Amino acid sequence: MLRNDRRRGQWMLMAPERLLVLDEMALAVVRACVGQDVADLAAGIDRLTAEYDAPRAEVAADVLELLTDLRNKGYVVT
């Protein structure tokens, strides 16, 4: 679950009995590529590529690395 701790001004991913504070880039990836409102991963990568004016191959590699890590730690379910 993605939650905003307004008191601390931080976004967090919550999993059973743990939480992870997200930095700006991780939050952008999670918002673009994870959740019910996301059409598919490729669309999220395309959005990030345009938003950050970065090469798509680099964005895709970074996104896949982050999401794989979050999945392996139980924060994201595929």
Protein backbone atom coordinates (compact mmCIF):
# COMPACT_ATOMS: atom_id res chain seq x y z
CA MET A 1 0.00 0.00 0.00
CA LEU A 2 1.21 3.48 -0.85
CA ARG A 3 0.58 5.93 2.00
CA ASN A 4 1.42 9.57 2.61
CA ASP A 5 2.60 10.40 6.13
CA ARG A 6 1.55 14.05 6.10
CA ARG A 7 3.01 14.71 9.52
CA ARG A 8 6.48 13.72 8.35
CA GLY A 9 5.97 14.78 4.74
CA GLN A 10 7.01 11.37 3.40
CA TRP A 11 5.52 8.77 1.10
CA MET A 12 5.83 5.16 2.20
CA LEU A 13 5.15 1.69 0.90
CA MET A 14 3.57 -0.45 3.57
CA ALA A 15 3.68 -4.23 3.75
CA PRO A 16 2.66 -6.51 6.59
CA GLU A 17 4.64 -5.43 9.67
CA ARG A 18 7.02 -3.12 7.78
CA LEU A 19 7.25 0.08 5.79
CA LEU A 20 9.62 1.67 3.35
CA VAL A 21 10.10 5.42 3.01
CA LEU A 22 10.33 6.32 -0.68
CA ASP A 23 12.62 8.94 -2.17
CA GLU A 24 11.37 11.18 -4.98
CA MET A 25 12.41 8.86 -7.81
CA ALA A 26 11.05 5.69 -6.20
CA LEU A 27 7.75 7.47 -5.60
CA ALA A 28 7.60 8.55 -9.25
CA VAL A 29 8.21 4.97 -10.39
CA VAL A 30 5.61 3.49 -8.06
CA ARG A 31 3.00 6.07 -9.09
CA ALA A 32 3.69 5.55 -12.81
CA CYS A 33 4.07 1.79 -12.87
CA VAL A 34 2.20 0.16 -9.99
CA GLY A 35 -1.43 0.04 -8.97
CA GLN A 36 -4.96 -0.24 -10.26
CA ASP A 37 -4.81 2.98 -12.29
CA VAL A 38 -1.79 1.83 -14.33
CA ALA A 39 -2.60 0.43 -17.77
CA ASP A 40 0.68 -1.47 -18.10
CA LEU A 41 4.34 -1.24 -17.23
CA ALA A 42 5.36 -0.05 -20.71
CA ALA A 43 2.98 2.90 -20.46
CA GLY A 44 4.47 3.83 -17.09
CA ILE A 45 7.98 3.67 -18.49
CA ASP A 46 6.92 5.82 -21.44
CA ARG A 47 5.44 8.38 -19.06
CA LEU A 48 8.62 8.53 -16.98
CA THR A 49 10.76 8.76 -20.11
CA ALA A 50 8.81 11.80 -21.27
CA GLU A 51 8.60 13.39 -17.82
CA TYR A 52 12.33 13.17 -17.15
CA ASP A 53 13.46 13.56 -20.78
CA ALA A 54 15.68 10.50 -20.43
CA PRO A 55 16.58 7.62 -22.75
CA ARG A 56 13.87 4.97 -22.62
CA ALA A 57 16.34 2.07 -22.32
CA GLU A 58 17.90 3.62 -19.20
CA VAL A 59 14.53 4.40 -17.65
CA ALA A 60 13.28 0.89 -18.36
CA ALA A 61 16.37 -0.71 -16.81
CA ASP A 62 16.12 1.46 -13.68
CA VAL A 63 12.37 0.88 -13.32
CA LEU A 64 12.71 -2.89 -13.71
CA GLU A 65 15.56 -3.00 -11.20
CA LEU A 66 13.60 -1.01 -8.62
CA LEU A 67 10.36 -2.94 -9.09
CA THR A 68 12.17 -6.27 -8.95
CA ASP A 69 13.81 -5.24 -5.68
CA LEU A 70 10.48 -4.06 -4.23
CA ARG A 71 8.80 -7.30 -5.33
CA ASN A 72 11.57 -9.44 -3.84
CA LYS A 73 11.19 -7.59 -0.53
CA GLY A 74 7.40 -8.05 -0.54
CA TYR A 75 6.38 -4.42 -1.09
CA VAL A 76 4.98 -4.94 -4.60
CA VAL A 77 2.91 -7.93 -5.71
CA THR A 78 2.87 -8.89 -9.38
